[in-house]
Amino acid sequence: MPTITIEGPKIDDIKIKRNLVKELTEAAVKAYGFPIEVFVVYIKENPIENVGVGGKLVSDQRGGK
């Protein structure tokens, strides 16, 4: 089964997660031509204090602790 994995900050709104999974899957169906039922999507959420960009924690760049 084709697998899509996306990593990013936590998404609190379940409606946004549903839409994200739907749109990623639809794009993959269009690209591969496989039936929608074969795709698996994983959302990996990372707290912003566990992510660094440009040598700095994202939480610090957003005015965190």
Protein backbone atom coordinates (compact mmCIF):
# COMPACT_ATOMS: atom_id res chain seq x y z
CA MET A 1 0.00 0.00 0.00
CA PRO A 2 1.34 3.45 -0.83
CA THR A 3 2.01 5.44 2.33
CA ILE A 4 2.02 9.20 2.82
CA THR A 5 3.71 10.58 5.94
CA ILE A 6 3.56 14.23 6.87
CA GLU A 7 5.34 15.77 9.86
CA GLY A 8 4.58 19.14 11.30
CA PRO A 9 3.26 21.01 14.30
CA LYS A 10 0.27 19.71 16.23
CA ILE A 11 -3.13 20.34 14.61
CA ASP A 12 -5.83 20.67 17.25
CA ASP A 13 -8.82 20.88 14.92
CA ILE A 14 -9.96 17.40 13.77
CA LYS A 15 -11.77 18.97 10.80
CA ILE A 16 -8.46 20.35 9.52
CA LYS A 17 -6.83 16.92 9.94
CA ARG A 18 -9.67 15.25 8.03
CA ASN A 19 -9.28 17.76 5.20
CA LEU A 20 -5.49 17.33 5.16
CA VAL A 21 -5.79 13.55 4.85
CA LYS A 22 -8.49 13.88 2.18
CA GLU A 23 -6.51 16.33 0.05
CA LEU A 24 -3.20 14.46 0.35
CA THR A 25 -4.93 11.22 -0.63
CA GLU A 26 -6.73 12.82 -3.57
CA ALA A 27 -3.45 14.28 -4.85
CA ALA A 28 -1.76 10.87 -4.60
CA VAL A 29 -4.66 9.17 -6.40
CA LYS A 30 -4.29 11.70 -9.20
CA ALA A 31 -0.51 11.23 -9.37
CA TYR A 32 -0.41 7.42 -9.17
CA GLY A 33 -3.77 6.43 -10.60
CA PHE A 34 -4.31 3.86 -7.83
CA PRO A 35 -7.69 3.48 -6.11
CA ILE A 36 -8.21 5.72 -3.10
CA GLU A 37 -8.65 2.71 -0.80
CA VAL A 38 -4.99 1.64 -1.06
CA PHE A 39 -3.48 4.81 0.41
CA VAL A 40 -2.42 5.11 4.03
CA VAL A 41 -1.73 8.54 5.57
CA TYR A 42 0.20 9.13 8.78
CA ILE A 43 0.26 12.51 10.50
CA LYS A 44 3.24 12.86 12.81
CA GLU A 45 2.87 15.83 15.10
CA ASN A 46 5.85 17.48 16.72
CA PRO A 47 5.70 20.04 19.52
CA ILE A 48 7.32 23.28 18.35
CA GLU A 49 9.82 23.06 21.21
CA ASN A 50 11.16 19.89 19.54
CA VAL A 51 11.80 21.50 16.14
CA GLY A 52 14.67 23.75 15.13
CA VAL A 53 14.96 25.91 12.01
CA GLY A 54 17.96 28.03 11.19
CA GLY A 55 19.75 26.91 14.35
CA LYS A 56 16.95 28.06 16.64
CA LEU A 57 13.97 26.34 18.23
CA VAL A 58 10.70 27.23 16.53
CA SER A 59 9.22 27.91 19.96
CA ASP A 60 11.87 30.60 20.53
CA GLN A 61 11.15 32.16 17.17
CA ARG A 62 7.48 32.42 18.08
CA GLY A 63 8.19 34.15 21.37
CA GLY A 64 8.17 30.97 23.47
CA LYS A 65 10.08 30.33 26.68
